[in-house]
Amino acid sequence: MPFAFSEKILNKHEINYFYCKHCNFVQTENPYWLDEAYNNPIADSDTGLIQRNIALSSRLAVLIALNFDLKGSYIDIAGGYGMLTRLMRDDGFNYFWQDPFCQNIFALGFEGDKSEPRYAAITAFEVLEHVEDPVSFIQNAMLENNSKTMIFSTECFSGEAPPNRDWWYYSFPTGQHISFFSSKALQEISQKLDLYFYSFNGLHIVSKDHLKYPRLSKIFTKRYLSSIFTFFLSRHLKSKTLSDSQMNLNKLTPPK
């Protein structure tokens, strides 16, 4: 990829950014600074973490209810502190957590098991911008977790040139974002992996199968409609909040 611009990250390292004109993809030079950038896995400046997880859980519940098995198993492979997994289990979904780089706080006891026969879908929210090789990441994640579908999020830019340097998603002060995508770049990845690609309302889906109801999914994953949809969905799903608590308590009780 040809050189696009250079910028200082972490307030100290001057690094180069490159741009692919074919698929509208931006990436940094070899990210030698990542150990320093990840002193804290989740940046202190990320004050919107809780708000985004709540909004994501509603949209994800809609997407699963319309297109996948309500009784199936799901896993968040970049689960962070486990907040999304906990929210999805509170809504009644059989959801699990996985993240080799972060401590599980909110979904303890529900770590994913690779011996699971098949996950109906895997999710990886706000992770692709941290990945040096997104094609291999998606391919390996689906293979290792035995799933035909991956649902993820990343902020996409539009246009036929790299975004201006004031684009907030570059996140220069944290140094954690190294890959930046257009919708065209995500389509290129799905084609390389021979997967169907869908994108709406901040959700991106790559799958070996067609979605059952893509149009309805696009409508009901909108912010306010997703909240209404999940309100009625909660009448058909039983929350796992109390049963999960009891399950973890039973692990602490010694056998008689």
C-alpha atoms as a PDB file:
ATOM      1  CA  MET A   1       0.000   0.000   0.000  1.00  0.00           C
ATOM      2  CA  PRO A   2       1.314   3.508  -0.761  1.00  0.00           C
ATOM      3  CA  PHE A   3       2.182   5.937   2.026  1.00  0.00           C
ATOM      4  CA  ALA A   4      -0.737   8.140   3.130  1.00  0.00           C
ATOM      5  CA  PHE A   5       0.479  10.253   6.059  1.00  0.00           C
ATOM      6  CA  SER A   6       2.432  10.130   9.306  1.00  0.00           C
ATOM      7  CA  GLU A   7       1.216  11.008  12.779  1.00  0.00           C
ATOM      8  CA  LYS A   8       2.431  10.898  16.385  1.00  0.00           C
ATOM      9  CA  ILE A   9       0.776   8.249  18.569  1.00  0.00           C
ATOM     10  CA  LEU A  10       0.964   7.813  22.333  1.00  0.00           C
ATOM     11  CA  ASN A  11       2.286  11.373  22.212  1.00  0.00           C
ATOM     12  CA  LYS A  12       5.746  10.051  21.373  1.00  0.00           C
ATOM     13  CA  HIS A  13       6.022   7.701  18.337  1.00  0.00           C
ATOM     14  CA  GLU A  14       5.942   9.135  14.822  1.00  0.00           C
ATOM     15  CA  ILE A  15       4.464   6.380  12.647  1.00  0.00           C
ATOM     16  CA  ASN A  16       3.392   5.949   9.034  1.00  0.00           C
ATOM     17  CA  TYR A  17      -0.089   5.154   7.745  1.00  0.00           C
ATOM     18  CA  PHE A  18      -0.710   3.455   4.395  1.00  0.00           C
ATOM     19  CA  TYR A  19      -3.757   3.339   2.125  1.00  0.00           C
ATOM     20  CA  CYS A  20      -5.049   0.734  -0.318  1.00  0.00           C
ATOM     21  CA  LYS A  21      -6.807   2.446  -3.228  1.00  0.00           C
ATOM     22  CA  HIS A  22      -8.313  -0.841  -4.411  1.00  0.00           C
ATOM     23  CA  CYS A  23     -10.435  -1.556  -1.324  1.00  0.00           C
ATOM     24  CA  ASN A  24     -10.187   1.695   0.678  1.00  0.00           C
ATOM     25  CA  PHE A  25      -8.302   0.285   3.633  1.00  0.00           C
ATOM     26  CA  VAL A  26      -5.926   2.175   5.941  1.00  0.00           C
ATOM     27  CA  GLN A  27      -3.292   0.551   8.138  1.00  0.00           C
ATOM     28  CA  THR A  28      -0.304   1.622  10.186  1.00  0.00           C
ATOM     29  CA  GLU A  29       3.248   0.445   9.723  1.00  0.00           C
ATOM     30  CA  ASN A  30       4.337  -2.638  11.686  1.00  0.00           C
ATOM     31  CA  PRO A  31       2.818  -1.898  15.145  1.00  0.00           C
ATOM     32  CA  TYR A  32       5.891  -2.273  17.358  1.00  0.00           C
ATOM     33  CA  TRP A  33       4.312  -0.123  20.106  1.00  0.00           C
ATOM     34  CA  LEU A  34       1.366  -2.363  21.007  1.00  0.00           C
ATOM     35  CA  ASP A  35       2.778  -3.693  24.290  1.00  0.00           C
ATOM     36  CA  GLU A  36       3.035  -0.109  25.450  1.00  0.00           C
ATOM     37  CA  ALA A  37      -0.416   0.791  24.132  1.00  0.00           C
ATOM     38  CA  TYR A  38      -2.032  -2.110  25.993  1.00  0.00           C
ATOM     39  CA  ASN A  39      -0.770  -1.391  29.500  1.00  0.00           C
ATOM     40  CA  ASN A  40      -4.511  -1.252  30.109  1.00  0.00           C
ATOM     41  CA  PRO A  41      -6.465  -3.549  27.733  1.00  0.00           C
ATOM     42  CA  ILE A  42      -9.346  -1.045  27.663  1.00  0.00           C
ATOM     43  CA  ALA A  43      -8.296   2.588  27.344  1.00  0.00           C
ATOM     44  CA  ASP A  44      -9.057   4.900  30.276  1.00  0.00           C
ATOM     45  CA  SER A  45     -10.588   7.353  27.811  1.00  0.00           C
ATOM     46  CA  ASP A  46     -13.284   4.842  26.776  1.00  0.00           C
ATOM     47  CA  THR A  47     -16.082   6.281  28.898  1.00  0.00           C
ATOM     48  CA  GLY A  48     -18.785   5.059  26.503  1.00  0.00           C
ATOM     49  CA  LEU A  49     -18.120   1.356  27.124  1.00  0.00           C
ATOM     50  CA  ILE A  50     -21.219   0.635  29.200  1.00  0.00           C
ATOM     51  CA  GLN A  51     -23.551   2.670  27.008  1.00  0.00           C
ATOM     52  CA  ARG A  52     -22.345   0.924  23.842  1.00  0.00           C
ATOM     53  CA  ASN A  53     -22.729  -2.537  25.354  1.00  0.00           C
ATOM     54  CA  ILE A  54     -26.325  -1.843  26.356  1.00  0.00           C
ATOM     55  CA  ALA A  55     -27.170  -0.578  22.863  1.00  0.00           C
ATOM     56  CA  LEU A  56     -25.329  -3.493  21.236  1.00  0.00           C
ATOM     57  CA  SER A  57     -27.126  -6.093  23.332  1.00  0.00           C
ATOM     58  CA  SER A  58     -30.536  -4.899  22.070  1.00  0.00           C
ATOM     59  CA  ARG A  59     -29.493  -4.901  18.410  1.00  0.00           C
ATOM     60  CA  LEU A  60     -27.763  -8.243  18.767  1.00  0.00           C
ATOM     61  CA  ALA A  61     -30.845  -9.772  20.389  1.00  0.00           C
ATOM     62  CA  VAL A  62     -32.915  -8.651  17.381  1.00  0.00           C
ATOM     63  CA  LEU A  63     -30.421 -10.067  14.905  1.00  0.00           C
ATOM     64  CA  ILE A  64     -30.281 -13.431  16.659  1.00  0.00           C
ATOM     65  CA  ALA A  65     -34.057 -13.681  17.125  1.00  0.00           C
ATOM     66  CA  LEU A  66     -34.733 -13.025  13.432  1.00  0.00           C
ATOM     67  CA  ASN A  67     -31.965 -15.094  11.864  1.00  0.00           C
ATOM     68  CA  PHE A  68     -30.569 -17.696  14.257  1.00  0.00           C
ATOM     69  CA  ASP A  69     -31.550 -20.303  16.817  1.00  0.00           C
ATOM     70  CA  LEU A  70     -32.896 -18.748  20.019  1.00  0.00           C
ATOM     71  CA  LYS A  71     -31.810 -21.870  21.912  1.00  0.00           C
ATOM     72  CA  GLY A  72     -28.381 -22.023  20.284  1.00  0.00           C
ATOM     73  CA  SER A  73     -25.052 -21.227  21.936  1.00  0.00           C
ATOM     74  CA  TYR A  74     -23.167 -17.990  21.202  1.00  0.00           C
ATOM     75  CA  ILE A  75     -19.746 -16.698  22.186  1.00  0.00           C
ATOM     76  CA  ASP A  76     -18.212 -13.235  22.397  1.00  0.00           C
ATOM     77  CA  ILE A  77     -14.587 -13.904  21.439  1.00  0.00           C
ATOM     78  CA  ALA A  78     -13.363 -10.401  22.311  1.00  0.00           C
ATOM     79  CA  GLY A  79     -15.450 -10.246  25.435  1.00  0.00           C
ATOM     80  CA  GLY A  80     -13.524  -7.634  27.413  1.00  0.00           C
ATOM     81  CA  TYR A  81     -14.785  -7.485  30.975  1.00  0.00           C
ATOM     82  CA  GLY A  82     -17.712  -9.758  30.076  1.00  0.00           C
ATOM     83  CA  MET A  83     -20.360  -7.056  30.092  1.00  0.00           C
ATOM     84  CA  LEU A  84     -21.994  -7.989  26.780  1.00  0.00           C
ATOM     85  CA  THR A  85     -22.054 -11.674  27.691  1.00  0.00           C
ATOM     86  CA  ARG A  86     -23.751 -10.833  30.987  1.00  0.00           C
ATOM     87  CA  LEU A  87     -26.331  -8.614  29.276  1.00  0.00           C
ATOM     88  CA  MET A  88     -27.133 -11.290  26.696  1.00  0.00           C
ATOM     89  CA  ARG A  89     -27.528 -13.941  29.400  1.00  0.00           C
ATOM     90  CA  ASP A  90     -29.743 -11.549  31.360  1.00  0.00           C
ATOM     91  CA  ASP A  91     -31.915 -11.401  28.224  1.00  0.00           C
ATOM     92  CA  GLY A  92     -32.118 -15.207  28.132  1.00  0.00           C
ATOM     93  CA  PHE A  93     -29.514 -16.136  25.509  1.00  0.00           C
ATOM     94  CA  ASN A  94     -27.068 -19.003  25.990  1.00  0.00           C
ATOM     95  CA  TYR A  95     -24.058 -16.712  25.680  1.00  0.00           C
ATOM     96  CA  PHE A  96     -20.417 -17.273  26.607  1.00  0.00           C
ATOM     97  CA  TRP A  97     -17.241 -15.218  27.026  1.00  0.00           C
ATOM     98  CA  GLN A  98     -13.725 -15.483  25.635  1.00  0.00           C
ATOM     99  CA  ASP A  99     -10.846 -12.984  25.628  1.00  0.00           C
ATOM    100  CA  PRO A 100      -7.151 -13.877  26.032  1.00  0.00           C
ATOM    101  CA  PHE A 101      -6.208 -10.244  26.677  1.00  0.00           C
ATOM    102  CA  CYS A 102      -8.719  -9.101  29.293  1.00  0.00           C
ATOM    103  CA  GLN A 103     -10.004 -10.165  32.704  1.00  0.00           C
ATOM    104  CA  ASN A 104     -13.500 -11.613  32.853  1.00  0.00           C
ATOM    105  CA  ILE A 105     -15.361  -9.674  35.541  1.00  0.00           C
ATOM    106  CA  PHE A 106     -19.074  -9.784  34.723  1.00  0.00           C
ATOM    107  CA  ALA A 107     -19.435 -13.241  33.134  1.00  0.00           C
ATOM    108  CA  LEU A 108     -17.455 -15.415  35.539  1.00  0.00           C
ATOM    109  CA  GLY A 109     -18.393 -19.059  35.223  1.00  0.00           C
ATOM    110  CA  PHE A 110     -19.475 -18.697  31.608  1.00  0.00           C
ATOM    111  CA  GLU A 111     -16.188 -18.868  29.774  1.00  0.00           C
ATOM    112  CA  GLY A 112     -16.493 -20.393  26.313  1.00  0.00           C
ATOM    113  CA  ASP A 113     -15.532 -23.990  25.688  1.00  0.00           C
ATOM    114  CA  LYS A 114     -13.969 -24.935  22.372  1.00  0.00           C
ATOM    115  CA  SER A 115     -15.413 -28.434  22.796  1.00  0.00           C
ATOM    116  CA  GLU A 116     -18.858 -26.935  22.079  1.00  0.00           C
ATOM    117  CA  PRO A 117     -20.191 -28.839  19.017  1.00  0.00           C
ATOM    118  CA  ARG A 118     -21.071 -25.591  17.236  1.00  0.00           C
ATOM    119  CA  TYR A 119     -21.711 -21.967  18.075  1.00  0.00           C
ATOM    120  CA  ALA A 120     -24.646 -20.533  16.146  1.00  0.00           C
ATOM    121  CA  ALA A 121     -22.590 -17.330  15.809  1.00  0.00           C
ATOM    122  CA  ILE A 122     -19.527 -15.698  17.291  1.00  0.00           C
ATOM    123  CA  THR A 123     -19.285 -11.996  18.046  1.00  0.00           C
ATOM    124  CA  ALA A 124     -16.288  -9.669  18.127  1.00  0.00           C
ATOM    125  CA  PHE A 125     -17.264  -6.080  18.800  1.00  0.00           C
ATOM    126  CA  GLU A 126     -14.725  -3.275  18.443  1.00  0.00           C
ATOM    127  CA  VAL A 127     -11.820  -5.607  17.789  1.00  0.00           C
ATOM    128  CA  LEU A 128     -11.023  -5.532  14.050  1.00  0.00           C
ATOM    129  CA  GLU A 129      -9.465  -2.072  14.315  1.00  0.00           C
ATOM    130  CA  HIS A 130      -6.942  -3.611  16.739  1.00  0.00           C
ATOM    131  CA  VAL A 131      -5.978  -6.483  14.401  1.00  0.00           C
ATOM    132  CA  GLU A 132      -2.945  -6.517  12.120  1.00  0.00           C
ATOM    133  CA  ASP A 133      -4.245  -9.297   9.830  1.00  0.00           C
ATOM    134  CA  PRO A 134      -8.065  -9.067   9.730  1.00  0.00           C
ATOM    135  CA  VAL A 135      -8.480 -11.782   7.088  1.00  0.00           C
ATOM    136  CA  SER A 136      -6.674 -14.407   9.159  1.00  0.00           C
ATOM    137  CA  PHE A 137      -8.354 -13.188  12.332  1.00  0.00           C
ATOM    138  CA  ILE A 138     -11.865 -13.776  10.971  1.00  0.00           C
ATOM    139  CA  GLN A 139     -10.948 -17.055   9.299  1.00  0.00           C
ATOM    140  CA  ASN A 140      -9.257 -18.487  12.400  1.00  0.00           C
ATOM    141  CA  ALA A 141     -11.928 -17.232  14.803  1.00  0.00           C
ATOM    142  CA  MET A 142     -14.699 -18.981  12.876  1.00  0.00           C
ATOM    143  CA  LEU A 143     -12.651 -22.163  12.497  1.00  0.00           C
ATOM    144  CA  GLU A 144     -11.431 -22.377  16.093  1.00  0.00           C
ATOM    145  CA  ASN A 145     -14.897 -21.733  17.521  1.00  0.00           C
ATOM    146  CA  ASN A 146     -16.683 -23.984  15.036  1.00  0.00           C
ATOM    147  CA  SER A 147     -19.099 -21.381  13.691  1.00  0.00           C
ATOM    148  CA  LYS A 148     -20.456 -20.427  10.274  1.00  0.00           C
ATOM    149  CA  THR A 149     -21.138 -16.817  11.253  1.00  0.00           C
ATOM    150  CA  MET A 150     -19.285 -13.898  12.770  1.00  0.00           C
ATOM    151  CA  ILE A 151     -21.032 -10.690  13.887  1.00  0.00           C
ATOM    152  CA  PHE A 152     -18.780  -7.739  14.584  1.00  0.00           C
ATOM    153  CA  SER A 153     -18.508  -3.978  14.686  1.00  0.00           C
ATOM    154  CA  THR A 154     -15.947  -1.444  13.556  1.00  0.00           C
ATOM    155  CA  GLU A 155     -16.395   2.168  12.516  1.00  0.00           C
ATOM    156  CA  CYS A 156     -16.299   2.399   8.724  1.00  0.00           C
ATOM    157  CA  PHE A 157     -15.270   5.451   6.731  1.00  0.00           C
ATOM    158  CA  SER A 158     -16.577   6.450   3.304  1.00  0.00           C
ATOM    159  CA  GLY A 159     -14.986   8.067   0.278  1.00  0.00           C
ATOM    160  CA  GLU A 160     -12.078   7.334  -1.998  1.00  0.00           C
ATOM    161  CA  ALA A 161      -9.328   8.626   0.306  1.00  0.00           C
ATOM    162  CA  PRO A 162      -8.168   8.161   3.909  1.00  0.00           C
ATOM    163  CA  PRO A 163     -10.238  10.121   6.437  1.00  0.00           C
ATOM    164  CA  ASN A 164      -8.845  13.441   7.618  1.00  0.00           C
ATOM    165  CA  ARG A 165      -6.519  13.232  10.584  1.00  0.00           C
ATOM    166  CA  ASP A 166      -9.148  14.703  12.899  1.00  0.00           C
ATOM    167  CA  TRP A 167     -11.235  11.509  12.498  1.00  0.00           C
ATOM    168  CA  TRP A 168     -11.759  10.381  16.096  1.00  0.00           C
ATOM    169  CA  TYR A 169     -11.441   6.686  15.277  1.00  0.00           C
ATOM    170  CA  TYR A 170      -7.736   6.967  14.540  1.00  0.00           C
ATOM    171  CA  SER A 171      -7.347   7.264  18.314  1.00  0.00           C
ATOM    172  CA  PHE A 172      -3.791   8.587  18.039  1.00  0.00           C
ATOM    173  CA  PRO A 173      -3.310   9.188  21.806  1.00  0.00           C
ATOM    174  CA  THR A 174      -4.018   5.520  22.719  1.00  0.00           C
ATOM    175  CA  GLY A 175      -2.130   3.866  19.839  1.00  0.00           C
ATOM    176  CA  GLN A 176      -4.491   0.875  19.943  1.00  0.00           C
ATOM    177  CA  HIS A 177      -6.220   1.275  16.579  1.00  0.00           C
ATOM    178  CA  ILE A 178      -4.057   0.068  13.696  1.00  0.00           C
ATOM    179  CA  SER A 179      -6.531  -0.992  10.948  1.00  0.00           C
ATOM    180  CA  PHE A 180      -9.301   1.145   9.464  1.00  0.00           C
ATOM    181  CA  PHE A 181     -12.002  -0.103   7.136  1.00  0.00           C
ATOM    182  CA  SER A 182     -14.435   1.092   4.532  1.00  0.00           C
ATOM    183  CA  SER A 183     -17.486  -1.007   3.733  1.00  0.00           C
ATOM    184  CA  LYS A 184     -15.703  -1.937   0.502  1.00  0.00           C
ATOM    185  CA  ALA A 185     -12.742  -3.306   2.473  1.00  0.00           C
ATOM    186  CA  LEU A 186     -15.052  -5.511   4.554  1.00  0.00           C
ATOM    187  CA  GLN A 187     -16.705  -6.773   1.367  1.00  0.00           C
ATOM    188  CA  GLU A 188     -13.256  -7.645  -0.030  1.00  0.00           C
ATOM    189  CA  ILE A 189     -12.482  -9.660   3.098  1.00  0.00           C
ATOM    190  CA  SER A 190     -15.764 -11.583   2.861  1.00  0.00           C
ATOM    191  CA  GLN A 191     -15.082 -12.368  -0.805  1.00  0.00           C
ATOM    192  CA  LYS A 192     -11.594 -13.648   0.003  1.00  0.00           C
ATOM    193  CA  LEU A 193     -13.108 -15.967   2.596  1.00  0.00           C
ATOM    194  CA  ASP A 194     -16.062 -16.946   0.372  1.00  0.00           C
ATOM    195  CA  LEU A 195     -18.594 -15.588   2.868  1.00  0.00           C
ATOM    196  CA  TYR A 196     -21.809 -13.608   2.516  1.00  0.00           C
ATOM    197  CA  PHE A 197     -21.571 -10.060   3.860  1.00  0.00           C
ATOM    198  CA  TYR A 198     -24.219  -7.860   5.470  1.00  0.00           C
ATOM    199  CA  SER A 199     -23.889  -4.466   7.101  1.00  0.00           C
ATOM    200  CA  PHE A 200     -26.519  -2.287   8.773  1.00  0.00           C
ATOM    201  CA  ASN A 201     -26.892  -0.025  11.802  1.00  0.00           C
ATOM    202  CA  GLY A 202     -23.329  -0.547  12.991  1.00  0.00           C
ATOM    203  CA  LEU A 203     -23.440  -4.337  12.764  1.00  0.00           C
ATOM    204  CA  HIS A 204     -21.387  -6.285  10.213  1.00  0.00           C
ATOM    205  CA  ILE A 205     -22.039  -9.952   9.504  1.00  0.00           C
ATOM    206  CA  VAL A 206     -19.987 -12.467   7.532  1.00  0.00           C
ATOM    207  CA  SER A 207     -21.478 -15.924   7.157  1.00  0.00           C
ATOM    208  CA  LYS A 208     -21.417 -19.110   5.145  1.00  0.00           C
ATOM    209  CA  ASP A 209     -25.213 -18.858   5.018  1.00  0.00           C
ATOM    210  CA  HIS A 210     -27.663 -16.177   3.950  1.00  0.00           C
ATOM    211  CA  LEU A 211     -29.457 -14.299   6.714  1.00  0.00           C
ATOM    212  CA  LYS A 212     -33.096 -15.369   6.914  1.00  0.00           C
ATOM    213  CA  TYR A 213     -34.538 -11.870   7.262  1.00  0.00           C
ATOM    214  CA  PRO A 214     -31.973  -9.216   6.282  1.00  0.00           C
ATOM    215  CA  ARG A 215     -34.572  -6.521   5.535  1.00  0.00           C
ATOM    216  CA  LEU A 216     -36.370  -6.968   8.837  1.00  0.00           C
ATOM    217  CA  SER A 217     -33.005  -7.093  10.572  1.00  0.00           C
ATOM    218  CA  LYS A 218     -32.053  -3.750   9.046  1.00  0.00           C
ATOM    219  CA  ILE A 219     -35.322  -2.191  10.232  1.00  0.00           C
ATOM    220  CA  PHE A 220     -35.456  -3.566  13.770  1.00  0.00           C
ATOM    221  CA  THR A 221     -31.764  -3.121  14.635  1.00  0.00           C
ATOM    222  CA  LYS A 222     -32.305   0.629  14.551  1.00  0.00           C
ATOM    223  CA  ARG A 223     -31.750   2.086  17.988  1.00  0.00           C
ATOM    224  CA  TYR A 224     -35.285   2.736  19.223  1.00  0.00           C
ATOM    225  CA  LEU A 225     -36.967  -0.127  17.378  1.00  0.00           C
ATOM    226  CA  SER A 226     -34.482  -2.619  18.813  1.00  0.00           C
ATOM    227  CA  SER A 227     -35.501  -1.614  22.349  1.00  0.00           C
ATOM    228  CA  ILE A 228     -39.171  -2.165  21.534  1.00  0.00           C
ATOM    229  CA  PHE A 229     -38.413  -5.483  19.836  1.00  0.00           C
ATOM    230  CA  THR A 230     -36.392  -6.785  22.796  1.00  0.00           C
ATOM    231  CA  PHE A 231     -39.163  -5.768  25.219  1.00  0.00           C
ATOM    232  CA  PHE A 232     -41.563  -8.154  23.500  1.00  0.00           C
ATOM    233  CA  LEU A 233     -38.817 -10.747  22.981  1.00  0.00           C
ATOM    234  CA  SER A 234     -38.249 -10.869  26.743  1.00  0.00           C
ATOM    235  CA  ARG A 235     -41.720 -12.365  27.112  1.00  0.00           C
ATOM    236  CA  HIS A 236     -40.560 -15.428  25.169  1.00  0.00           C
ATOM    237  CA  LEU A 237     -37.103 -15.834  26.699  1.00  0.00           C
ATOM    238  CA  LYS A 238     -36.391 -16.545  30.346  1.00  0.00           C
ATOM    239  CA  SER A 239     -33.614 -14.439  31.838  1.00  0.00           C
ATOM    240  CA  LYS A 240     -30.622 -16.389  33.120  1.00  0.00           C
ATOM    241  CA  THR A 241     -29.758 -13.806  35.794  1.00  0.00           C
ATOM    242  CA  LEU A 242     -31.019 -15.776  38.791  1.00  0.00           C
ATOM    243  CA  SER A 243     -30.243 -19.232  37.442  1.00  0.00           C
ATOM    244  CA  ASP A 244     -26.669 -18.158  36.659  1.00  0.00           C
ATOM    245  CA  SER A 245     -26.285 -16.822  40.189  1.00  0.00           C
ATOM    246  CA  GLN A 246     -27.498 -20.111  41.627  1.00  0.00           C
ATOM    247  CA  MET A 247     -25.196 -22.051  39.316  1.00  0.00           C
ATOM    248  CA  ASN A 248     -22.167 -20.129  40.561  1.00  0.00           C
ATOM    249  CA  LEU A 249     -23.283 -20.491  44.180  1.00  0.00           C
ATOM    250  CA  ASN A 250     -23.546 -24.260  43.706  1.00  0.00           C
ATOM    251  CA  LYS A 251     -19.900 -24.323  42.608  1.00  0.00           C
ATOM    252  CA  LEU A 252     -18.951 -22.811  45.977  1.00  0.00           C
ATOM    253  CA  THR A 253     -20.974 -25.324  47.987  1.00  0.00           C
ATOM    254  CA  PRO A 254     -18.936 -28.420  48.886  1.00  0.00           C
ATOM    255  CA  PRO A 255     -20.605 -31.754  48.091  1.00  0.00           C
ATOM    256  CA  LYS A 256     -22.159 -33.579  51.029  1.00  0.00           C
END
